[in-house]
Amino acid sequence: MAKCEMCGKGPMFGNRRSHSMRATRHKFKPNLQKIRVFENGVFVRKTLCTKCIKTLAKV
């Protein structure tokens, strides 16, 4: 499923607004990336959002 394994962020729903303010349904998807994370002495492949990857790089 399209979900971040660290924070649980998934798709959100809302409206797209045209110039005339006409609303059409829209799905906002998170920016998910598959990366290798060093966890408990081994590399593990995880699907994380870019915000979580950024916070991992800081630590």
PDB file of N, CA and C in Angstrom:
ATOM      1  N   MET A   1       0.831  -1.178   0.000  1.00  0.00           N
ATOM      2  CA  MET A   1       0.000   0.000   0.000  1.00  0.00           C
ATOM      3  C   MET A   1       0.879   1.247   0.000  1.00  0.00           C
ATOM      4  N   ALA A   2       0.391   2.311  -0.575  1.00  0.00           N
ATOM      5  CA  ALA A   2       1.151   3.564  -0.646  1.00  0.00           C
ATOM      6  C   ALA A   2       1.086   4.284   0.687  1.00  0.00           C
ATOM      7  N   LYS A   3       1.982   3.892   1.616  1.00  0.00           N
ATOM      8  CA  LYS A   3       2.002   4.471   2.951  1.00  0.00           C
ATOM      9  C   LYS A   3       3.442   4.495   3.456  1.00  0.00           C
ATOM     10  N   CYS A   4       3.790   5.557   4.150  1.00  0.00           N
ATOM     11  CA  CYS A   4       5.120   5.662   4.750  1.00  0.00           C
ATOM     12  C   CYS A   4       5.208   4.686   5.921  1.00  0.00           C
ATOM     13  N   GLU A   5       6.291   3.910   5.978  1.00  0.00           N
ATOM     14  CA  GLU A   5       6.439   2.911   7.034  1.00  0.00           C
ATOM     15  C   GLU A   5       6.859   3.537   8.366  1.00  0.00           C
ATOM     16  N   MET A   6       7.280   4.788   8.345  1.00  0.00           N
ATOM     17  CA  MET A   6       7.734   5.421   9.577  1.00  0.00           C
ATOM     18  C   MET A   6       6.631   6.265  10.226  1.00  0.00           C
ATOM     19  N   CYS A   7       5.998   7.139   9.452  1.00  0.00           N
ATOM     20  CA  CYS A   7       4.992   8.042  10.042  1.00  0.00           C
ATOM     21  C   CYS A   7       3.565   7.661   9.673  1.00  0.00           C
ATOM     22  N   GLY A   8       3.383   6.758   8.705  1.00  0.00           N
ATOM     23  CA  GLY A   8       2.042   6.322   8.335  1.00  0.00           C
ATOM     24  C   GLY A   8       1.318   7.253   7.385  1.00  0.00           C
ATOM     25  N   LYS A   9       2.051   8.207   6.796  1.00  0.00           N
ATOM     26  CA  LYS A   9       1.432   9.160   5.875  1.00  0.00           C
ATOM     27  C   LYS A   9       0.965   8.439   4.614  1.00  0.00           C
ATOM     28  N   GLY A  10      -0.284   8.689   4.224  1.00  0.00           N
ATOM     29  CA  GLY A  10      -0.868   8.056   3.050  1.00  0.00           C
ATOM     30  C   GLY A  10      -1.562   9.077   2.171  1.00  0.00           C
ATOM     31  N   PRO A  11      -2.318   8.617   1.177  1.00  0.00           N
ATOM     32  CA  PRO A  11      -3.013   9.543   0.295  1.00  0.00           C
ATOM     33  C   PRO A  11      -4.085  10.340   1.043  1.00  0.00           C
ATOM     34  N   MET A  12      -4.232  11.607   0.639  1.00  0.00           N
ATOM     35  CA  MET A  12      -5.252  12.474   1.216  1.00  0.00           C
ATOM     36  C   MET A  12      -6.184  12.919   0.095  1.00  0.00           C
ATOM     37  N   PHE A  13      -7.395  13.279   0.456  1.00  0.00           N
ATOM     38  CA  PHE A  13      -8.376  13.677  -0.539  1.00  0.00           C
ATOM     39  C   PHE A  13      -8.785  15.122  -0.309  1.00  0.00           C
ATOM     40  N   GLY A  14      -9.083  15.798  -1.401  1.00  0.00           N
ATOM     41  CA  GLY A  14      -9.509  17.184  -1.314  1.00  0.00           C
ATOM     42  C   GLY A  14     -10.128  17.614  -2.625  1.00  0.00           C
ATOM     43  N   ASN A  15     -10.210  18.913  -2.813  1.00  0.00           N
ATOM     44  CA  ASN A  15     -10.796  19.463  -4.030  1.00  0.00           C
ATOM     45  C   ASN A  15      -9.759  20.240  -4.815  1.00  0.00           C
ATOM     46  N   ARG A  16      -9.844  20.104  -6.134  1.00  0.00           N
ATOM     47  CA  ARG A  16      -9.083  20.940  -7.034  1.00  0.00           C
ATOM     48  C   ARG A  16      -9.992  22.104  -7.403  1.00  0.00           C
ATOM     49  N   ARG A  17      -9.488  23.311  -7.360  1.00  0.00           N
ATOM     50  CA  ARG A  17     -10.312  24.479  -7.647  1.00  0.00           C
ATOM     51  C   ARG A  17      -9.853  25.147  -8.936  1.00  0.00           C
ATOM     52  N   SER A  18     -10.778  25.334  -9.863  1.00  0.00           N
ATOM     53  CA  SER A  18     -10.469  26.034 -11.100  1.00  0.00           C
ATOM     54  C   SER A  18     -10.580  27.538 -10.864  1.00  0.00           C
ATOM     55  N   HIS A  19     -10.347  28.316 -11.894  1.00  0.00           N
ATOM     56  CA  HIS A  19     -10.427  29.777 -11.772  1.00  0.00           C
ATOM     57  C   HIS A  19     -11.841  30.207 -11.398  1.00  0.00           C
ATOM     58  N   SER A  20     -12.845  29.464 -11.859  1.00  0.00           N
ATOM     59  CA  SER A  20     -14.233  29.802 -11.528  1.00  0.00           C
ATOM     60  C   SER A  20     -14.670  29.199 -10.191  1.00  0.00           C
ATOM     61  N   MET A  21     -13.698  28.636  -9.442  1.00  0.00           N
ATOM     62  CA  MET A  21     -13.922  28.019  -8.133  1.00  0.00           C
ATOM     63  C   MET A  21     -14.799  26.772  -8.201  1.00  0.00           C
ATOM     64  N   ARG A  22     -14.855  26.128  -9.352  1.00  0.00           N
ATOM     65  CA  ARG A  22     -15.573  24.862  -9.494  1.00  0.00           C
ATOM     66  C   ARG A  22     -14.730  23.767  -8.849  1.00  0.00           C
ATOM     67  N   ALA A  23     -15.330  22.949  -7.989  1.00  0.00           N
ATOM     68  CA  ALA A  23     -14.589  21.938  -7.236  1.00  0.00           C
ATOM     69  C   ALA A  23     -14.680  20.580  -7.925  1.00  0.00           C
ATOM     70  N   THR A  24     -13.537  19.940  -8.119  1.00  0.00           N
ATOM     71  CA  THR A  24     -13.491  18.561  -8.600  1.00  0.00           C
ATOM     72  C   THR A  24     -12.635  17.769  -7.615  1.00  0.00           C
ATOM     73  N   ARG A  25     -13.016  16.533  -7.349  1.00  0.00           N
ATOM     74  CA  ARG A  25     -12.308  15.705  -6.367  1.00  0.00           C
ATOM     75  C   ARG A  25     -10.905  15.388  -6.864  1.00  0.00           C
ATOM     76  N   HIS A  26      -9.976  15.331  -5.918  1.00  0.00           N
ATOM     77  CA  HIS A  26      -8.574  15.130  -6.255  1.00  0.00           C
ATOM     78  C   HIS A  26      -7.909  14.323  -5.144  1.00  0.00           C
ATOM     79  N   LYS A  27      -6.949  13.474  -5.513  1.00  0.00           N
ATOM     80  CA  LYS A  27      -6.212  12.655  -4.562  1.00  0.00           C
ATOM     81  C   LYS A  27      -4.778  13.185  -4.469  1.00  0.00           C
ATOM     82  N   PHE A  28      -4.361  13.566  -3.272  1.00  0.00           N
ATOM     83  CA  PHE A  28      -3.005  14.054  -3.049  1.00  0.00           C
ATOM     84  C   PHE A  28      -2.164  12.888  -2.538  1.00  0.00           C
ATOM     85  N   LYS A  29      -1.164  12.479  -3.313  1.00  0.00           N
ATOM     86  CA  LYS A  29      -0.330  11.338  -2.927  1.00  0.00           C
ATOM     87  C   LYS A  29       0.973  11.826  -2.289  1.00  0.00           C
ATOM     88  N   PRO A  30       1.461  11.145  -1.238  1.00  0.00           N
ATOM     89  CA  PRO A  30       2.728  11.535  -0.626  1.00  0.00           C
ATOM     90  C   PRO A  30       3.902  11.138  -1.518  1.00  0.00           C
ATOM     91  N   ASN A  31       5.011  11.856  -1.364  1.00  0.00           N
ATOM     92  CA  ASN A  31       6.217  11.574  -2.144  1.00  0.00           C
ATOM     93  C   ASN A  31       6.976  10.441  -1.465  1.00  0.00           C
ATOM     94  N   LEU A  32       6.708   9.211  -1.886  1.00  0.00           N
ATOM     95  CA  LEU A  32       7.316   8.026  -1.268  1.00  0.00           C
ATOM     96  C   LEU A  32       8.514   7.545  -2.073  1.00  0.00           C
ATOM     97  N   GLN A  33       9.559   7.149  -1.380  1.00  0.00           N
ATOM     98  CA  GLN A  33      10.785   6.654  -1.992  1.00  0.00           C
ATOM     99  C   GLN A  33      11.163   5.336  -1.315  1.00  0.00           C
ATOM    100  N   LYS A  34      11.707   4.400  -2.098  1.00  0.00           N
ATOM    101  CA  LYS A  34      12.210   3.143  -1.540  1.00  0.00           C
ATOM    102  C   LYS A  34      13.702   3.321  -1.285  1.00  0.00           C
ATOM    103  N   ILE A  35      14.103   3.226  -0.008  1.00  0.00           N
ATOM    104  CA  ILE A  35      15.509   3.409   0.344  1.00  0.00           C
ATOM    105  C   ILE A  35      15.968   2.282   1.263  1.00  0.00           C
ATOM    106  N   ARG A  36      17.306   2.150   1.366  1.00  0.00           N
ATOM    107  CA  ARG A  36      17.898   1.186   2.292  1.00  0.00           C
ATOM    108  C   ARG A  36      18.262   1.915   3.575  1.00  0.00           C
ATOM    109  N   VAL A  37      17.812   1.374   4.703  1.00  0.00           N
ATOM    110  CA  VAL A  37      18.065   1.979   6.010  1.00  0.00           C
ATOM    111  C   VAL A  37      18.866   0.990   6.843  1.00  0.00           C
ATOM    112  N   PHE A  38      19.916   1.486   7.500  1.00  0.00           N
ATOM    113  CA  PHE A  38      20.733   0.649   8.375  1.00  0.00           C
ATOM    114  C   PHE A  38      20.033   0.543   9.723  1.00  0.00           C
ATOM    115  N   GLU A  39      19.500  -0.655  10.037  1.00  0.00           N
ATOM    116  CA  GLU A  39      18.689  -0.853  11.231  1.00  0.00           C
ATOM    117  C   GLU A  39      19.119  -2.131  11.940  1.00  0.00           C
ATOM    118  N   ASN A  40      19.512  -2.026  13.203  1.00  0.00           N
ATOM    119  CA  ASN A  40      19.946  -3.173  14.021  1.00  0.00           C
ATOM    120  C   ASN A  40      21.083  -3.958  13.376  1.00  0.00           C
ATOM    121  N   GLY A  41      22.036  -3.251  12.775  1.00  0.00           N
ATOM    122  CA  GLY A  41      23.214  -3.892  12.195  1.00  0.00           C
ATOM    123  C   GLY A  41      23.040  -4.448  10.795  1.00  0.00           C
ATOM    124  N   VAL A  42      21.861  -4.334  10.204  1.00  0.00           N
ATOM    125  CA  VAL A  42      21.632  -4.812   8.834  1.00  0.00           C
ATOM    126  C   VAL A  42      20.904  -3.736   8.027  1.00  0.00           C
ATOM    127  N   PHE A  43      21.058  -3.814   6.720  1.00  0.00           N
ATOM    128  CA  PHE A  43      20.340  -2.901   5.833  1.00  0.00           C
ATOM    129  C   PHE A  43      18.949  -3.454   5.560  1.00  0.00           C
ATOM    130  N   VAL A  44      17.934  -2.604   5.718  1.00  0.00           N
ATOM    131  CA  VAL A  44      16.543  -2.984   5.495  1.00  0.00           C
ATOM    132  C   VAL A  44      15.960  -2.052   4.450  1.00  0.00           C
ATOM    133  N   ARG A  45      15.201  -2.619   3.504  1.00  0.00           N
ATOM    134  CA  ARG A  45      14.564  -1.809   2.467  1.00  0.00           C
ATOM    135  C   ARG A  45      13.212  -1.318   2.979  1.00  0.00           C
ATOM    136  N   LYS A  46      13.015   0.016   2.981  1.00  0.00           N
ATOM    137  CA  LYS A  46      11.782   0.602   3.492  1.00  0.00           C
ATOM    138  C   LYS A  46      11.229   1.613   2.498  1.00  0.00           C
ATOM    139  N   THR A  47       9.920   1.820   2.571  1.00  0.00           N
ATOM    140  CA  THR A  47       9.253   2.851   1.783  1.00  0.00           C
ATOM    141  C   THR A  47       8.955   4.009   2.719  1.00  0.00           C
ATOM    142  N   LEU A  48       9.654   5.135   2.507  1.00  0.00           N
ATOM    143  CA  LEU A  48       9.518   6.289   3.386  1.00  0.00           C
ATOM    144  C   LEU A  48       9.162   7.525   2.580  1.00  0.00           C
ATOM    145  N   CYS A  49       8.464   8.459   3.239  1.00  0.00           N
ATOM    146  CA  CYS A  49       8.192   9.743   2.590  1.00  0.00           C
ATOM    147  C   CYS A  49       9.458  10.598   2.687  1.00  0.00           C
ATOM    148  N   THR A  50       9.551  11.601   1.839  1.00  0.00           N
ATOM    149  CA  THR A  50      10.763  12.410   1.778  1.00  0.00           C
ATOM    150  C   THR A  50      11.008  13.187   3.062  1.00  0.00           C
ATOM    151  N   LYS A  51       9.957  13.536   3.787  1.00  0.00           N
ATOM    152  CA  LYS A  51      10.125  14.251   5.056  1.00  0.00           C
ATOM    153  C   LYS A  51      10.813  13.350   6.088  1.00  0.00           C
ATOM    154  N   CYS A  52      10.456  12.066   6.118  1.00  0.00           N
ATOM    155  CA  CYS A  52      11.097  11.126   7.041  1.00  0.00           C
ATOM    156  C   CYS A  52      12.547  10.861   6.637  1.00  0.00           C
ATOM    157  N   ILE A  53      12.822  10.816   5.333  1.00  0.00           N
ATOM    158  CA  ILE A  53      14.203  10.623   4.856  1.00  0.00           C
ATOM    159  C   ILE A  53      15.049  11.805   5.282  1.00  0.00           C
ATOM    160  N   LYS A  54      14.473  12.998   5.214  1.00  0.00           N
ATOM    161  CA  LYS A  54      15.191  14.217   5.605  1.00  0.00           C
ATOM    162  C   LYS A  54      15.516  14.209   7.089  1.00  0.00           C
ATOM    163  N   THR A  55      14.563  13.770   7.937  1.00  0.00           N
ATOM    164  CA  THR A  55      14.812  13.727   9.368  1.00  0.00           C
ATOM    165  C   THR A  55      15.815  12.625   9.724  1.00  0.00           C
ATOM    166  N   LEU A  56      15.823  11.525   8.974  1.00  0.00           N
ATOM    167  CA  LEU A  56      16.813  10.460   9.205  1.00  0.00           C
ATOM    168  C   LEU A  56      18.222  10.960   8.893  1.00  0.00           C
ATOM    169  N   ALA A  57      18.343  11.784   7.871  1.00  0.00           N
ATOM    170  CA  ALA A  57      19.652  12.323   7.487  1.00  0.00           C
ATOM    171  C   ALA A  57      20.185  13.270   8.553  1.00  0.00           C
ATOM    172  N   LYS A  58      19.301  13.953   9.284  1.00  0.00           N
ATOM    173  CA  LYS A  58      19.735  14.877  10.336  1.00  0.00           C
ATOM    174  C   LYS A  58      20.298  14.131  11.529  1.00  0.00           C
ATOM    175  N   VAL A  59      19.745  12.947  11.825  1.00  0.00           N
ATOM    176  CA  VAL A  59      20.157  12.191  13.020  1.00  0.00           C
ATOM    177  C   VAL A  59      21.451  11.458  12.784  1.00  0.00           C
TER     178      VAL A  59
END
